[in-house]
Amino acid sequence: MGSAFVLIALIVVQQADAPAEQAVREFNETFFKKENAESDRVAAVRKLEDVPDAETSKVLAKLLLWPEEAVSVEAAQVLAKFTDVKGVAARVVPCFSDRTNLKRSAVRVEIVKCLGALRDPAGLLALQRTLRDRDLYVAREVVVQLKGWRQKSSVPLLIDYLKVCEKAPSGNIEVPVVLKRYTDKRVPQDKTQPSQMTVFVTMDADQFARMRKELLHRPLLDALRGITRQRWESYKGWHEWWTAEGAAFTVPEE
């Protein structure tokens, strides 16, 4: 009886794993064809969305470091839907700070969205550590995701960053610009070229301060209000309130 039960259990496990194994096999056959273009590889990644599993998540996590940004962006978007698969956030977090992605703004933004969607505590810590990222588009998306997560531990971090956004920096600063390839259906396209890439441009401190305030000041206020239901308009008001009430504060129910 006991050995029969074990045998049945093994068969069930193998049957459960079979769709993921088959999906990975089919993915490899399609993705690595030499004649395929970037769009074919993106489509192959998208198809893995139909099989949310630990094995497919491992494949997708590796693709967050793939040289083509469009492939990595698609992989992050698919992983964001694997909310019932254990261990996904732990695979995604290291890819955010990997040197491959340090200057790939679009990929890092999608990884932030992915971690926000997964709602894993490891992802929350990673987002909180990333709040002051020098890439303002990444920082803005972190603010958006922290607002959705509504955790008390995010409040003092958001208040402190609000102070930073109300100050002017000094010196020249590099900021990312995402370039997407212009496509005209009337003109044959060179499919060997990437569909998008990130370049960095240097701007002076005043320009950067204006850009930072434009991109982040309102989202920071919205995030703080969304979490706390308070209505302060500047760092001074938020700081005074948190100093007086923060210890006893609890996040109101939605």
Protein backbone atom coordinates (compact mmCIF):
# COMPACT_ATOMS: atom_id res chain seq x y z
CA MET A 1 0.00 0.00 0.00
CA GLY A 2 2.74 2.40 1.02
CA SER A 3 4.91 1.75 -2.04
CA ALA A 4 1.88 1.97 -4.32
CA PHE A 5 1.00 5.39 -2.85
CA VAL A 6 4.55 6.63 -3.44
CA LEU A 7 4.43 5.41 -7.03
CA ILE A 8 1.12 7.19 -7.64
CA ALA A 9 2.52 10.37 -6.08
CA LEU A 10 5.58 10.25 -8.34
CA ILE A 11 3.40 9.81 -11.42
CA VAL A 12 1.26 12.79 -10.40
CA VAL A 13 4.37 14.96 -9.88
CA GLN A 14 5.82 13.93 -13.23
CA GLN A 15 2.52 14.69 -14.96
CA ALA A 16 2.39 18.07 -13.24
CA ASP A 17 5.91 18.90 -14.35
CA ALA A 18 5.40 17.70 -17.91
CA PRO A 19 3.70 20.87 -19.29
CA ALA A 20 6.52 23.07 -17.97
CA GLU A 21 9.20 20.78 -19.37
CA GLN A 22 7.48 20.69 -22.73
CA ALA A 23 7.06 24.47 -22.71
CA VAL A 24 10.77 24.96 -22.01
CA ARG A 25 11.71 22.51 -24.77
CA GLU A 26 9.49 24.27 -27.29
CA PHE A 27 10.80 27.63 -26.16
CA ASN A 28 14.43 26.57 -26.67
CA GLU A 29 13.67 25.21 -30.12
CA THR A 30 12.05 28.49 -31.19
CA PHE A 31 14.11 31.07 -29.32
CA PHE A 32 17.53 29.85 -30.42
CA LYS A 33 16.83 29.40 -34.12
CA LYS A 34 19.56 31.27 -35.96
CA GLU A 35 17.21 32.66 -38.59
CA ASN A 36 14.81 34.17 -36.04
CA ALA A 37 14.54 37.92 -35.52
CA GLU A 38 14.13 39.77 -32.23
CA SER A 39 10.34 39.82 -32.68
CA ASP A 40 10.33 36.01 -32.93
CA ARG A 41 12.28 35.73 -29.68
CA VAL A 42 9.87 38.15 -27.97
CA ALA A 43 6.93 36.02 -29.15
CA ALA A 44 8.60 32.89 -27.79
CA VAL A 45 9.02 34.56 -24.40
CA ARG A 46 5.39 35.68 -24.39
CA LYS A 47 4.24 32.12 -24.98
CA LEU A 48 5.75 31.04 -21.63
CA GLU A 49 3.03 33.13 -19.96
CA ASP A 50 0.69 30.18 -20.50
CA VAL A 51 2.77 27.91 -18.23
CA PRO A 52 3.43 29.61 -14.88
CA ASP A 53 5.85 27.24 -13.16
CA ALA A 54 9.16 27.26 -11.27
CA GLU A 55 10.96 25.87 -14.34
CA THR A 56 9.61 28.45 -16.76
CA SER A 57 10.31 31.21 -14.22
CA LYS A 58 13.98 30.17 -14.13
CA VAL A 59 14.19 30.52 -17.90
CA LEU A 60 12.48 33.90 -17.82
CA ALA A 61 14.70 35.20 -15.02
CA LYS A 62 17.78 34.42 -17.09
CA LEU A 63 16.27 36.37 -19.98
CA LEU A 64 16.22 39.51 -17.82
CA LEU A 65 19.93 39.63 -18.67
CA TRP A 66 19.53 38.88 -22.38
CA PRO A 67 21.32 41.45 -24.62
CA GLU A 68 18.13 42.52 -26.43
CA GLU A 69 16.16 44.92 -24.25
CA ALA A 70 12.82 44.01 -25.82
CA VAL A 71 13.33 40.36 -24.83
CA SER A 72 14.19 41.29 -21.25
CA VAL A 73 11.22 43.66 -21.01
CA GLU A 74 8.87 40.92 -22.21
CA ALA A 75 10.38 38.43 -19.73
CA ALA A 76 9.75 40.83 -16.84
CA GLN A 77 6.17 41.40 -17.97
CA VAL A 78 5.51 37.66 -18.10
CA LEU A 79 7.12 37.04 -14.70
CA ALA A 80 4.86 39.72 -13.19
CA LYS A 81 1.95 37.35 -13.86
CA PHE A 82 3.57 34.42 -12.00
CA THR A 83 2.08 35.53 -8.69
CA ASP A 84 1.31 31.98 -7.54
CA VAL A 85 4.77 30.58 -8.31
CA LYS A 86 7.09 30.46 -5.30
CA GLY A 87 10.58 31.92 -5.48
CA VAL A 88 10.08 34.21 -8.48
CA ALA A 89 11.01 37.42 -6.67
CA ALA A 90 14.21 35.86 -5.35
CA ARG A 91 15.22 35.09 -8.95
CA VAL A 92 14.26 38.55 -10.21
CA VAL A 93 15.86 40.77 -7.54
CA PRO A 94 19.54 40.07 -8.44
CA CYS A 95 18.85 40.90 -12.08
CA PHE A 96 17.88 44.45 -11.21
CA SER A 97 21.36 45.42 -10.03
CA ASP A 98 23.29 43.14 -12.39
CA ARG A 99 25.84 45.06 -14.45
CA THR A 100 24.02 43.99 -17.62
CA ASN A 101 21.05 46.16 -16.63
CA LEU A 102 22.81 49.12 -15.02
CA LYS A 103 22.13 51.30 -18.06
CA ARG A 104 19.01 49.60 -19.37
CA SER A 105 16.29 51.88 -18.06
CA ALA A 106 13.32 50.19 -19.72
CA VAL A 107 14.32 46.77 -18.39
CA ARG A 108 14.82 48.04 -14.84
CA VAL A 109 11.45 49.80 -14.88
CA GLU A 110 9.76 46.55 -15.90
CA ILE A 111 11.61 44.63 -13.18
CA VAL A 112 10.30 47.15 -10.63
CA LYS A 113 6.75 46.63 -11.93
CA CYS A 114 7.29 42.88 -11.75
CA LEU A 115 8.42 43.00 -8.11
CA GLY A 116 5.45 45.19 -7.26
CA ALA A 117 3.04 42.73 -8.86
CA LEU A 118 4.56 39.70 -7.12
CA ARG A 119 4.02 41.18 -3.63
CA ASP A 120 6.88 39.18 -2.14
CA PRO A 121 8.56 40.61 1.02
CA ALA A 122 11.96 40.20 -0.65
CA GLY A 123 10.70 42.36 -3.46
CA LEU A 124 9.49 45.05 -1.05
CA LEU A 125 12.94 45.35 0.52
CA ALA A 126 14.53 45.56 -2.92
CA LEU A 127 12.15 48.33 -3.97
CA GLN A 128 12.74 50.31 -0.80
CA ARG A 129 16.50 50.11 -1.32
CA THR A 130 16.03 51.31 -4.90
CA LEU A 131 13.90 54.34 -4.10
CA ARG A 132 16.74 56.83 -4.65
CA ASP A 133 17.95 55.29 -7.89
CA ARG A 134 19.80 57.79 -10.10
CA ASP A 135 17.55 56.73 -12.97
CA LEU A 136 14.53 58.94 -12.28
CA TYR A 137 12.20 56.79 -14.36
CA VAL A 138 13.10 53.79 -12.23
CA ALA A 139 12.70 55.83 -9.04
CA ARG A 140 9.28 57.06 -10.17
CA GLU A 141 8.09 53.52 -10.82
CA VAL A 142 9.38 52.44 -7.39
CA VAL A 143 7.26 55.20 -5.83
CA VAL A 144 4.20 53.97 -7.74
CA GLN A 145 4.73 50.38 -6.60
CA LEU A 146 5.31 51.37 -2.96
CA LYS A 147 2.06 53.31 -3.05
CA GLY A 148 0.25 50.18 -4.21
CA TRP A 149 1.92 48.03 -1.55
CA ARG A 150 0.87 50.41 1.31
CA GLN A 151 3.46 49.46 3.94
CA LYS A 152 4.26 51.59 6.99
CA SER A 153 7.98 50.95 6.54
CA SER A 154 7.85 52.85 3.22
CA VAL A 155 6.49 56.07 4.73
CA PRO A 156 9.70 57.53 6.29
CA LEU A 157 11.67 56.55 3.16
CA LEU A 158 9.21 58.40 0.94
CA ILE A 159 9.27 61.44 3.23
CA ASP A 160 13.06 61.56 3.18
CA TYR A 161 13.10 61.31 -0.59
CA LEU A 162 10.55 64.11 -0.80
CA LYS A 163 13.10 66.29 0.99
CA VAL A 164 15.74 65.32 -1.56
CA CYS A 165 13.39 66.22 -4.43
CA GLU A 166 12.83 69.66 -2.95
CA LYS A 167 16.58 70.36 -2.91
CA ALA A 168 18.85 71.30 -5.82
CA PRO A 169 21.77 68.94 -6.57
CA SER A 170 25.22 70.09 -7.62
CA GLY A 171 27.45 69.07 -10.51
CA ASN A 172 26.62 67.39 -13.80
CA ILE A 173 24.52 64.22 -13.76
CA GLU A 174 23.90 61.42 -16.25
CA VAL A 175 20.27 60.59 -16.97
CA PRO A 176 18.86 57.81 -19.17
CA VAL A 177 16.86 58.26 -22.36
CA VAL A 178 15.09 55.26 -23.90
CA LEU A 179 15.22 55.27 -27.69
CA LYS A 180 12.78 53.19 -29.73
CA ARG A 181 13.36 52.35 -33.36
CA TYR A 182 11.07 54.21 -35.76
CA THR A 183 9.19 51.78 -37.94
CA ASP A 184 7.49 52.50 -41.23
CA LYS A 185 5.52 49.59 -42.68
CA ARG A 186 6.20 50.91 -46.18
CA VAL A 187 9.94 50.46 -45.71
CA PRO A 188 11.68 47.07 -45.27
CA GLN A 189 13.01 46.76 -41.71
CA ASP A 190 16.41 45.54 -40.65
CA LYS A 191 15.39 42.88 -38.13
CA THR A 192 18.95 42.45 -36.91
CA GLN A 193 18.77 45.85 -35.18
CA PRO A 194 17.28 46.15 -31.66
CA SER A 195 13.80 47.63 -31.33
CA GLN A 196 14.88 49.81 -28.40
CA MET A 197 17.95 50.80 -26.42
CA THR A 198 18.89 53.09 -23.54
CA VAL A 199 21.45 55.87 -23.88
CA PHE A 200 22.65 58.28 -21.20
CA VAL A 201 22.93 62.03 -21.62
CA THR A 202 24.62 64.52 -19.29
CA MET A 203 22.67 67.49 -17.94
CA ASP A 204 23.58 70.18 -15.45
CA ALA A 205 22.32 70.28 -11.87
CA ASP A 206 19.55 72.80 -12.47
CA GLN A 207 18.12 70.79 -15.36
CA PHE A 208 18.31 67.62 -13.30
CA ALA A 209 16.57 69.28 -10.31
CA ARG A 210 13.72 70.46 -12.53
CA MET A 211 13.40 67.06 -14.14
CA ARG A 212 13.47 65.26 -10.78
CA LYS A 213 10.81 67.51 -9.30
CA GLU A 214 8.64 67.21 -12.39
CA LEU A 215 8.89 63.41 -12.42
CA LEU A 216 8.83 62.62 -8.71
CA HIS A 217 7.36 65.36 -6.52
CA ARG A 218 3.71 64.70 -7.35
CA PRO A 219 4.06 60.87 -7.34
CA LEU A 220 5.75 61.05 -3.92
CA LEU A 221 2.90 63.13 -2.51
CA ASP A 222 0.37 60.77 -4.10
CA ALA A 223 2.13 57.74 -2.60
CA LEU A 224 2.29 59.21 0.88
CA ARG A 225 -1.37 60.22 0.72
CA GLY A 226 -2.35 56.81 -0.65
CA ILE A 227 -0.64 55.00 2.20
CA THR A 228 -1.44 57.32 5.12
CA ARG A 229 -4.59 59.22 4.04
CA GLN A 230 -2.85 62.43 5.22
CA ARG A 231 -2.82 65.52 2.98
CA TRP A 232 0.40 67.48 3.57
CA GLU A 233 1.80 69.48 0.64
CA SER A 234 5.57 69.53 1.33
CA TYR A 235 8.40 67.78 3.15
CA LYS A 236 8.06 70.11 6.16
CA GLY A 237 4.44 69.11 6.82
CA TRP A 238 5.09 65.39 6.31
CA HIS A 239 8.21 65.44 8.47
CA GLU A 240 6.48 67.21 11.36
CA TRP A 241 3.50 64.86 11.19
CA TRP A 242 5.67 61.73 11.07
CA THR A 243 7.87 62.92 13.93
CA ALA A 244 4.78 63.44 16.10
CA GLU A 245 2.57 60.55 14.94
CA GLY A 246 4.78 58.02 13.16
CA ALA A 247 5.41 55.67 16.09
CA ALA A 248 1.69 55.13 16.68
CA PHE A 249 0.66 55.24 13.03
CA THR A 250 -1.04 52.24 11.45
CA VAL A 251 -1.91 52.00 7.76
CA PRO A 252 -5.66 52.66 7.34
CA GLU A 253 -7.73 50.04 5.58
CA GLU A 254 -8.62 50.77 1.95
